[in-house]
């Protein structure tokens, strides 16, 4: 599913290239993003494909590996 997300917090980092990122207080920017997704089939397909790739970065297996790396680094 194509995503429009906020510039706030860690959302741009989590979304990566898989979302349109807009200022949550800029109503016109939100409107433009919605209209862009509405008319651009290729963009919707690309964001959907990128979303599947980006979500893999946050899988339980990847998380477990990253936590293990931190423990190895801290505990030696």
C-alpha atoms as a PDB file:
ATOM      1  CA  UNK A   1       0.000   0.000   0.000  1.00  0.00           C
ATOM      2  CA  UNK A   2       1.450   3.376  -0.913  1.00  0.00           C
ATOM      3  CA  UNK A   3       2.034   5.570   2.119  1.00  0.00           C
ATOM      4  CA  UNK A   4       1.979   9.259   2.924  1.00  0.00           C
ATOM      5  CA  UNK A   5       3.701   9.943   6.220  1.00  0.00           C
ATOM      6  CA  UNK A   6       4.807  12.813   8.397  1.00  0.00           C
ATOM      7  CA  UNK A   7       8.176  14.503   8.687  1.00  0.00           C
ATOM      8  CA  UNK A   8       7.817  14.119  12.450  1.00  0.00           C
ATOM      9  CA  UNK A   9       9.903  11.890  14.656  1.00  0.00           C
ATOM     10  CA  UNK A  10      11.478   8.792  13.155  1.00  0.00           C
ATOM     11  CA  UNK A  11       8.818   8.333  10.471  1.00  0.00           C
ATOM     12  CA  UNK A  12      11.018   9.480   7.546  1.00  0.00           C
ATOM     13  CA  UNK A  13      13.738   7.055   8.644  1.00  0.00           C
ATOM     14  CA  UNK A  14      11.297   4.194   9.033  1.00  0.00           C
ATOM     15  CA  UNK A  15       9.597   4.924   5.707  1.00  0.00           C
ATOM     16  CA  UNK A  16      12.830   5.402   3.756  1.00  0.00           C
ATOM     17  CA  UNK A  17      12.096   5.664   0.028  1.00  0.00           C
ATOM     18  CA  UNK A  18       8.801   3.867   0.477  1.00  0.00           C
ATOM     19  CA  UNK A  19       6.586   6.865   1.232  1.00  0.00           C
ATOM     20  CA  UNK A  20       5.763  10.419   0.373  1.00  0.00           C
ATOM     21  CA  UNK A  21       6.852  12.482   3.374  1.00  0.00           C
ATOM     22  CA  UNK A  22       4.989  15.682   4.184  1.00  0.00           C
ATOM     23  CA  UNK A  23       4.877  18.312   6.901  1.00  0.00           C
ATOM     24  CA  UNK A  24       1.897  17.253   9.054  1.00  0.00           C
ATOM     25  CA  UNK A  25       0.925  20.893   9.569  1.00  0.00           C
ATOM     26  CA  UNK A  26       0.959  21.771   5.869  1.00  0.00           C
ATOM     27  CA  UNK A  27      -2.528  20.999   4.624  1.00  0.00           C
ATOM     28  CA  UNK A  28      -1.612  21.897   1.042  1.00  0.00           C
ATOM     29  CA  UNK A  29       1.371  19.503   1.086  1.00  0.00           C
ATOM     30  CA  UNK A  30      -0.893  16.723   2.342  1.00  0.00           C
ATOM     31  CA  UNK A  31      -3.418  17.533  -0.383  1.00  0.00           C
ATOM     32  CA  UNK A  32      -0.708  17.508  -3.082  1.00  0.00           C
ATOM     33  CA  UNK A  33       0.570  14.134  -1.873  1.00  0.00           C
ATOM     34  CA  UNK A  34      -2.924  12.643  -1.926  1.00  0.00           C
ATOM     35  CA  UNK A  35      -3.571  14.017  -5.407  1.00  0.00           C
ATOM     36  CA  UNK A  36      -0.180  12.745  -6.598  1.00  0.00           C
ATOM     37  CA  UNK A  37      -0.975   9.218  -5.442  1.00  0.00           C
ATOM     38  CA  UNK A  38      -4.444   9.441  -6.917  1.00  0.00           C
ATOM     39  CA  UNK A  39      -3.267  10.167 -10.452  1.00  0.00           C
ATOM     40  CA  UNK A  40       0.129   8.441 -10.664  1.00  0.00           C
ATOM     41  CA  UNK A  41      -0.221   4.675 -11.096  1.00  0.00           C
ATOM     42  CA  UNK A  42       3.532   4.207 -11.490  1.00  0.00           C
ATOM     43  CA  UNK A  43       4.242   6.073  -8.263  1.00  0.00           C
ATOM     44  CA  UNK A  44       1.730   3.949  -6.367  1.00  0.00           C
ATOM     45  CA  UNK A  45       3.310   0.781  -7.724  1.00  0.00           C
ATOM     46  CA  UNK A  46       6.838   2.016  -6.927  1.00  0.00           C
ATOM     47  CA  UNK A  47       5.958   3.030  -3.364  1.00  0.00           C
ATOM     48  CA  UNK A  48       4.237  -0.312  -2.818  1.00  0.00           C
ATOM     49  CA  UNK A  49       7.300  -2.186  -4.079  1.00  0.00           C
ATOM     50  CA  UNK A  50       9.644  -0.039  -1.989  1.00  0.00           C
ATOM     51  CA  UNK A  51       7.400  -0.619   1.024  1.00  0.00           C
ATOM     52  CA  UNK A  52       7.907  -4.368   0.787  1.00  0.00           C
ATOM     53  CA  UNK A  53      11.676  -3.862   0.587  1.00  0.00           C
ATOM     54  CA  UNK A  54      11.707  -1.341   3.437  1.00  0.00           C
ATOM     55  CA  UNK A  55       9.603  -3.556   5.687  1.00  0.00           C
ATOM     56  CA  UNK A  56      12.233  -6.283   5.420  1.00  0.00           C
ATOM     57  CA  UNK A  57      14.638  -3.952   7.253  1.00  0.00           C
ATOM     58  CA  UNK A  58      12.388  -4.217  10.307  1.00  0.00           C
ATOM     59  CA  UNK A  59      11.655  -7.933  10.326  1.00  0.00           C
ATOM     60  CA  UNK A  60      11.978  -9.889  13.578  1.00  0.00           C
ATOM     61  CA  UNK A  61      15.044 -11.696  12.201  1.00  0.00           C
ATOM     62  CA  UNK A  62      16.811  -8.454  11.300  1.00  0.00           C
ATOM     63  CA  UNK A  63      15.924  -6.987  14.681  1.00  0.00           C
ATOM     64  CA  UNK A  64      17.301 -10.022  16.499  1.00  0.00           C
ATOM     65  CA  UNK A  65      20.539  -9.805  14.530  1.00  0.00           C
ATOM     66  CA  UNK A  66      20.941  -6.114  15.316  1.00  0.00           C
ATOM     67  CA  UNK A  67      20.305  -6.667  19.022  1.00  0.00           C
ATOM     68  CA  UNK A  68      22.820  -9.515  19.085  1.00  0.00           C
ATOM     69  CA  UNK A  69      25.405  -7.243  17.439  1.00  0.00           C
ATOM     70  CA  UNK A  70      24.850  -4.602  20.105  1.00  0.00           C
ATOM     71  CA  UNK A  71      25.280  -7.168  22.884  1.00  0.00           C
ATOM     72  CA  UNK A  72      28.482  -8.483  21.281  1.00  0.00           C
ATOM     73  CA  UNK A  73      29.846  -4.956  21.000  1.00  0.00           C
ATOM     74  CA  UNK A  74      28.954  -4.010  24.575  1.00  0.00           C
ATOM     75  CA  UNK A  75      29.892  -7.274  26.254  1.00  0.00           C
ATOM     76  CA  UNK A  76      32.885  -8.033  24.064  1.00  0.00           C
END
